[in-house]
Amino acid sequence: MFFSEYIAIKTIGLNVVKTKMVFHEHFGDEFNFEAASKQRVEYIIQYIEENGIPIKPGLYQLLEFLKLNNICAAVAPSTERKTAEYYI
């Protein structure tokens, strides 16, 4: 199975259900999700090591607004816990 940067980038931040949908659209009905998911994680780790963690547009502005208005906030990733812990 060929895994492209396009698929890796398109699935950053998606949960497992949405990631499966993207893989299904790209690879068809007969793909091995577990193998593809492993390859995706390897690709994303390499991408983050080279480019840093992608930040959603508007995050810093939102956090600043919340801080100025004394509103408690937290940032939660949509990725699996072990992957998120690796990033931080």
Foldseek 3Di string as FASTA:
>chain_A
DDDDPVLLVVCAQPAPVVNVVSCCVVPNDPDDVVVNVVVSLVSVVVVCVVPNDDDDPPPVVVVVVCVVVVHDDDDDTNYDPVSVVVRD
